[in-house]
N, C-alpha and C. Protein backbone atom coordinates (compact mmCIF):
# COMPACT_ATOMS: atom_id res chain seq x y z
N MET A 1 -38.51 121.34 -52.34
CA MET A 1 -38.67 122.63 -51.69
C MET A 1 -39.39 122.46 -50.36
N ASN A 2 -40.40 121.63 -50.28
CA ASN A 2 -41.09 121.38 -49.02
C ASN A 2 -40.23 120.63 -48.02
N ASN A 3 -39.28 119.84 -48.51
CA ASN A 3 -38.40 119.09 -47.60
C ASN A 3 -37.59 120.02 -46.72
N GLY A 4 -37.10 121.12 -47.27
CA GLY A 4 -36.35 122.09 -46.47
C GLY A 4 -37.22 122.73 -45.42
N LYS A 5 -38.44 123.07 -45.81
CA LYS A 5 -39.37 123.69 -44.86
C LYS A 5 -39.76 122.68 -43.77
N SER A 6 -39.98 121.44 -44.18
CA SER A 6 -40.35 120.39 -43.23
C SER A 6 -39.19 120.13 -42.27
N LEU A 7 -37.98 120.11 -42.78
CA LEU A 7 -36.80 119.89 -41.95
C LEU A 7 -36.64 121.02 -40.94
N ASN A 8 -36.81 122.27 -41.40
CA ASN A 8 -36.73 123.42 -40.49
C ASN A 8 -37.83 123.35 -39.44
N SER A 9 -39.01 122.92 -39.83
CA SER A 9 -40.13 122.79 -38.89
C SER A 9 -39.82 121.74 -37.83
N LYS A 10 -39.23 120.63 -38.25
CA LYS A 10 -38.86 119.58 -37.29
C LYS A 10 -37.78 120.07 -36.34
N LYS A 11 -36.81 120.82 -36.86
CA LYS A 11 -35.76 121.38 -36.00
C LYS A 11 -36.36 122.35 -34.99
N LEU A 12 -37.28 123.19 -35.45
CA LEU A 12 -37.93 124.14 -34.56
C LEU A 12 -38.74 123.41 -33.50
N ASP A 13 -39.51 122.41 -33.91
CA ASP A 13 -40.29 121.63 -32.95
C ASP A 13 -39.39 121.01 -31.89
N SER A 14 -38.25 120.50 -32.31
CA SER A 14 -37.30 119.89 -31.38
C SER A 14 -36.75 120.95 -30.41
N LYS A 15 -36.38 122.11 -30.93
CA LYS A 15 -35.86 123.19 -30.08
C LYS A 15 -36.92 123.68 -29.10
N LEU A 16 -38.16 123.81 -29.57
CA LEU A 16 -39.24 124.25 -28.69
C LEU A 16 -39.49 123.23 -27.58
N GLN A 17 -39.39 121.96 -27.91
CA GLN A 17 -39.55 120.91 -26.90
C GLN A 17 -38.42 120.99 -25.87
N ASP A 18 -37.20 121.27 -26.35
CA ASP A 18 -36.06 121.45 -25.43
C ASP A 18 -36.31 122.61 -24.47
N VAL A 19 -36.80 123.72 -25.01
CA VAL A 19 -37.11 124.90 -24.18
C VAL A 19 -38.17 124.54 -23.15
N ASN A 20 -39.20 123.86 -23.60
CA ASN A 20 -40.28 123.42 -22.72
C ASN A 20 -39.74 122.56 -21.58
N ASN A 21 -38.89 121.61 -21.92
CA ASN A 21 -38.31 120.71 -20.91
C ASN A 21 -37.48 121.49 -19.89
N VAL A 22 -36.68 122.42 -20.36
CA VAL A 22 -35.83 123.21 -19.45
C VAL A 22 -36.70 124.04 -18.50
N ILE A 23 -37.75 124.64 -19.03
CA ILE A 23 -38.63 125.46 -18.19
C ILE A 23 -39.31 124.60 -17.14
N PHE A 24 -39.82 123.42 -17.54
CA PHE A 24 -40.50 122.57 -16.56
C PHE A 24 -39.53 121.98 -15.54
N GLU A 25 -38.27 121.78 -15.92
CA GLU A 25 -37.26 121.36 -14.94
C GLU A 25 -37.05 122.48 -13.92
N ALA A 26 -37.02 123.72 -14.39
CA ALA A 26 -36.87 124.86 -13.48
C ALA A 26 -38.09 124.98 -12.56
N VAL A 27 -39.27 124.71 -13.10
CA VAL A 27 -40.49 124.74 -12.28
C VAL A 27 -40.38 123.72 -11.16
N LYS A 28 -39.90 122.52 -11.46
CA LYS A 28 -39.75 121.48 -10.44
C LYS A 28 -38.78 121.91 -9.35
N VAL A 29 -37.68 122.57 -9.76
CA VAL A 29 -36.69 123.05 -8.79
C VAL A 29 -37.30 124.12 -7.88
N CYS A 30 -38.18 124.94 -8.45
CA CYS A 30 -38.78 126.06 -7.71
C CYS A 30 -40.05 125.68 -6.96
N GLU A 31 -40.51 124.47 -7.12
CA GLU A 31 -41.81 124.06 -6.58
C GLU A 31 -41.97 124.48 -5.12
N LYS A 32 -43.13 125.07 -4.83
CA LYS A 32 -43.51 125.55 -3.50
C LYS A 32 -42.70 126.74 -3.02
N ASP A 33 -41.87 127.31 -3.89
CA ASP A 33 -41.11 128.52 -3.56
C ASP A 33 -41.66 129.65 -4.42
N SER A 34 -42.62 130.39 -3.87
CA SER A 34 -43.32 131.40 -4.66
C SER A 34 -42.39 132.49 -5.17
N VAL A 35 -41.37 132.84 -4.42
CA VAL A 35 -40.43 133.88 -4.86
C VAL A 35 -39.65 133.39 -6.07
N ALA A 36 -39.19 132.16 -6.04
CA ALA A 36 -38.45 131.59 -7.17
C ALA A 36 -39.35 131.43 -8.38
N LEU A 37 -40.59 130.99 -8.16
CA LEU A 37 -41.53 130.84 -9.27
C LEU A 37 -41.87 132.20 -9.88
N LEU A 38 -41.98 133.22 -9.05
CA LEU A 38 -42.22 134.57 -9.55
C LEU A 38 -41.05 135.03 -10.41
N ALA A 39 -39.84 134.74 -9.98
CA ALA A 39 -38.65 135.09 -10.76
C ALA A 39 -38.67 134.37 -12.11
N LEU A 40 -39.08 133.11 -12.11
CA LEU A 40 -39.18 132.34 -13.35
C LEU A 40 -40.23 132.95 -14.28
N LEU A 41 -41.39 133.31 -13.74
CA LEU A 41 -42.43 133.95 -14.55
C LEU A 41 -41.94 135.28 -15.12
N ARG A 42 -41.23 136.04 -14.33
CA ARG A 42 -40.69 137.32 -14.82
C ARG A 42 -39.71 137.09 -15.96
N GLN A 43 -38.89 136.04 -15.85
CA GLN A 43 -37.93 135.74 -16.91
C GLN A 43 -38.64 135.35 -18.20
N VAL A 44 -39.68 134.53 -18.09
CA VAL A 44 -40.44 134.12 -19.27
C VAL A 44 -41.09 135.35 -19.92
N GLU A 45 -41.65 136.22 -19.09
CA GLU A 45 -42.27 137.45 -19.61
C GLU A 45 -41.22 138.32 -20.30
N HIS A 46 -40.04 138.43 -19.69
CA HIS A 46 -38.96 139.23 -20.28
C HIS A 46 -38.55 138.66 -21.64
N LEU A 47 -38.42 137.34 -21.73
CA LEU A 47 -38.06 136.72 -23.01
C LEU A 47 -39.14 136.96 -24.06
N HIS A 48 -40.40 136.86 -23.66
CA HIS A 48 -41.51 137.12 -24.56
C HIS A 48 -41.41 138.54 -25.13
N ARG A 49 -41.21 139.50 -24.24
CA ARG A 49 -41.12 140.91 -24.65
C ARG A 49 -39.91 141.13 -25.56
N GLU A 50 -38.78 140.55 -25.20
CA GLU A 50 -37.56 140.72 -25.98
C GLU A 50 -37.71 140.16 -27.40
N ILE A 51 -38.31 139.00 -27.51
CA ILE A 51 -38.53 138.39 -28.83
C ILE A 51 -39.53 139.23 -29.63
N ARG A 52 -40.64 139.61 -28.98
CA ARG A 52 -41.69 140.37 -29.66
C ARG A 52 -41.17 141.71 -30.17
N GLU A 53 -40.44 142.45 -29.31
CA GLU A 53 -40.01 143.79 -29.67
C GLU A 53 -38.75 143.80 -30.53
N GLY A 54 -38.07 142.68 -30.60
CA GLY A 54 -36.83 142.60 -31.37
C GLY A 54 -37.02 141.88 -32.68
N VAL A 55 -36.60 140.64 -32.69
CA VAL A 55 -36.56 139.89 -33.95
C VAL A 55 -37.93 139.67 -34.57
N PHE A 56 -39.00 139.56 -33.77
CA PHE A 56 -40.32 139.36 -34.36
C PHE A 56 -40.74 140.58 -35.15
N GLN A 57 -40.62 141.77 -34.56
CA GLN A 57 -41.02 142.98 -35.27
C GLN A 57 -40.18 143.18 -36.54
N GLU A 58 -38.90 142.82 -36.45
CA GLU A 58 -38.03 142.95 -37.62
C GLU A 58 -38.42 141.97 -38.72
N SER A 59 -39.07 140.87 -38.35
CA SER A 59 -39.43 139.85 -39.33
C SER A 59 -40.81 140.04 -39.93
N LEU A 60 -41.53 141.07 -39.51
CA LEU A 60 -42.90 141.27 -40.00
C LEU A 60 -42.90 141.47 -41.52
N PRO A 61 -43.95 141.00 -42.16
CA PRO A 61 -44.05 141.06 -43.62
C PRO A 61 -44.00 142.49 -44.15
N ASP A 62 -43.50 142.60 -45.39
CA ASP A 62 -43.43 143.91 -46.02
C ASP A 62 -44.32 144.00 -47.26
N ASN A 63 -45.20 142.98 -47.41
CA ASN A 63 -46.17 143.05 -48.51
C ASN A 63 -47.48 142.42 -48.06
N ARG A 64 -48.55 142.72 -48.79
CA ARG A 64 -49.89 142.28 -48.40
C ARG A 64 -50.03 140.76 -48.41
N GLN A 65 -49.43 140.10 -49.37
CA GLN A 65 -49.56 138.65 -49.47
C GLN A 65 -48.93 137.97 -48.25
N ALA A 66 -47.75 138.41 -47.87
CA ALA A 66 -47.07 137.83 -46.71
C ALA A 66 -47.82 138.17 -45.42
N LEU A 67 -48.37 139.39 -45.35
CA LEU A 67 -49.15 139.78 -44.18
C LEU A 67 -50.40 138.91 -44.06
N TYR A 68 -51.07 138.68 -45.17
CA TYR A 68 -52.25 137.82 -45.17
C TYR A 68 -51.90 136.42 -44.69
N SER A 69 -50.78 135.92 -45.16
CA SER A 69 -50.31 134.58 -44.76
C SER A 69 -50.06 134.52 -43.25
N LEU A 70 -49.42 135.55 -42.72
CA LEU A 70 -49.13 135.60 -41.28
C LEU A 70 -50.44 135.67 -40.48
N LEU A 71 -51.35 136.52 -40.90
CA LEU A 71 -52.63 136.64 -40.19
C LEU A 71 -53.41 135.34 -40.24
N LYS A 72 -53.36 134.65 -41.36
CA LYS A 72 -54.02 133.36 -41.49
C LYS A 72 -53.41 132.35 -40.51
N GLU A 73 -52.10 132.36 -40.39
CA GLU A 73 -51.39 131.48 -39.46
C GLU A 73 -51.78 131.78 -38.02
N ILE A 74 -51.83 133.07 -37.67
CA ILE A 74 -52.22 133.47 -36.31
C ILE A 74 -53.62 132.97 -36.00
N GLU A 75 -54.54 133.16 -36.94
CA GLU A 75 -55.92 132.74 -36.73
C GLU A 75 -56.04 131.22 -36.64
N ALA A 76 -55.33 130.51 -37.48
CA ALA A 76 -55.42 129.05 -37.52
C ALA A 76 -54.81 128.39 -36.29
N GLU A 77 -53.80 129.00 -35.72
CA GLU A 77 -53.06 128.38 -34.63
C GLU A 77 -53.41 128.91 -33.24
N GLY A 78 -54.52 129.62 -33.11
CA GLY A 78 -54.97 129.98 -31.77
C GLY A 78 -54.76 131.42 -31.36
N GLY A 79 -54.51 132.29 -32.28
CA GLY A 79 -54.44 133.71 -31.94
C GLY A 79 -53.06 134.18 -31.54
N TRP A 80 -53.05 135.38 -31.02
CA TRP A 80 -51.81 136.05 -30.64
C TRP A 80 -51.29 135.51 -29.32
N PRO A 81 -49.99 135.25 -29.20
CA PRO A 81 -49.46 134.77 -27.92
C PRO A 81 -49.59 135.85 -26.84
N TYR A 82 -50.03 135.44 -25.68
CA TYR A 82 -50.30 136.39 -24.61
C TYR A 82 -49.89 135.76 -23.28
N ILE A 83 -49.22 136.52 -22.46
CA ILE A 83 -48.85 136.05 -21.13
C ILE A 83 -49.78 136.73 -20.14
N GLU A 84 -50.67 135.95 -19.59
CA GLU A 84 -51.67 136.48 -18.66
C GLU A 84 -51.07 136.62 -17.27
N ARG A 85 -51.39 137.70 -16.63
CA ARG A 85 -50.95 137.92 -15.26
C ARG A 85 -52.10 137.61 -14.31
N MET A 86 -51.75 137.10 -13.15
CA MET A 86 -52.76 136.83 -12.14
C MET A 86 -53.33 138.16 -11.65
N ARG A 87 -54.61 138.24 -11.59
CA ARG A 87 -55.26 139.46 -11.11
C ARG A 87 -55.08 139.56 -9.59
N LEU A 88 -54.90 140.78 -9.12
CA LEU A 88 -54.69 141.01 -7.69
C LEU A 88 -55.85 140.46 -6.88
N LYS A 89 -57.07 140.62 -7.40
CA LYS A 89 -58.25 140.14 -6.69
C LYS A 89 -58.18 138.61 -6.52
N ALA A 90 -57.79 137.89 -7.57
CA ALA A 90 -57.67 136.43 -7.50
C ALA A 90 -56.55 136.04 -6.54
N PHE A 91 -55.46 136.79 -6.55
CA PHE A 91 -54.33 136.54 -5.66
C PHE A 91 -54.77 136.67 -4.20
N LEU A 92 -55.47 137.77 -3.90
CA LEU A 92 -55.93 138.01 -2.52
C LEU A 92 -56.96 136.97 -2.11
N SER A 93 -57.84 136.59 -3.03
CA SER A 93 -58.84 135.57 -2.75
C SER A 93 -58.16 134.26 -2.38
N LYS A 94 -57.12 133.90 -3.12
CA LYS A 94 -56.36 132.68 -2.84
C LYS A 94 -55.72 132.77 -1.45
N MET A 95 -55.21 133.93 -1.13
CA MET A 95 -54.59 134.13 0.19
C MET A 95 -55.62 133.95 1.30
N LEU A 96 -56.82 134.49 1.11
CA LEU A 96 -57.87 134.37 2.11
C LEU A 96 -58.33 132.91 2.25
N ASP A 97 -58.47 132.22 1.11
CA ASP A 97 -58.86 130.81 1.16
C ASP A 97 -57.83 129.98 1.92
N ASP A 98 -56.57 130.23 1.66
CA ASP A 98 -55.52 129.49 2.34
C ASP A 98 -55.49 129.77 3.84
N SER A 99 -55.75 131.03 4.23
CA SER A 99 -55.72 131.36 5.65
C SER A 99 -56.91 130.76 6.39
N ASN A 100 -58.02 130.54 5.70
CA ASN A 100 -59.20 129.92 6.32
C ASN A 100 -58.99 128.43 6.56
N LEU A 101 -58.09 127.83 5.82
CA LEU A 101 -57.83 126.39 5.97
C LEU A 101 -56.96 126.09 7.18
N ARG A 102 -56.30 127.08 7.70
CA ARG A 102 -55.37 126.84 8.81
C ARG A 102 -56.04 126.89 10.13
């Protein structure tokens, strides 16, 4: 029984690594192009939202035991996934720092 779960886990790990590789290849292509990088960030955010609001919500537990298991997993693996946005103040500060260097 654990072999099936382990096999699925290995397949998922492999797929996640593939996704990671594709994203970092796109980052390299976009390097130093802030508009392209912004588009990439928007796409990642869109995918996050689509997964969260779609299949993730549909997969949420329907009993206390499964909910407890999910919450334990969230706590053990670093909390809830979150996509942080750059604060406008930090963005403007970076712009000012860059203009002072010129």
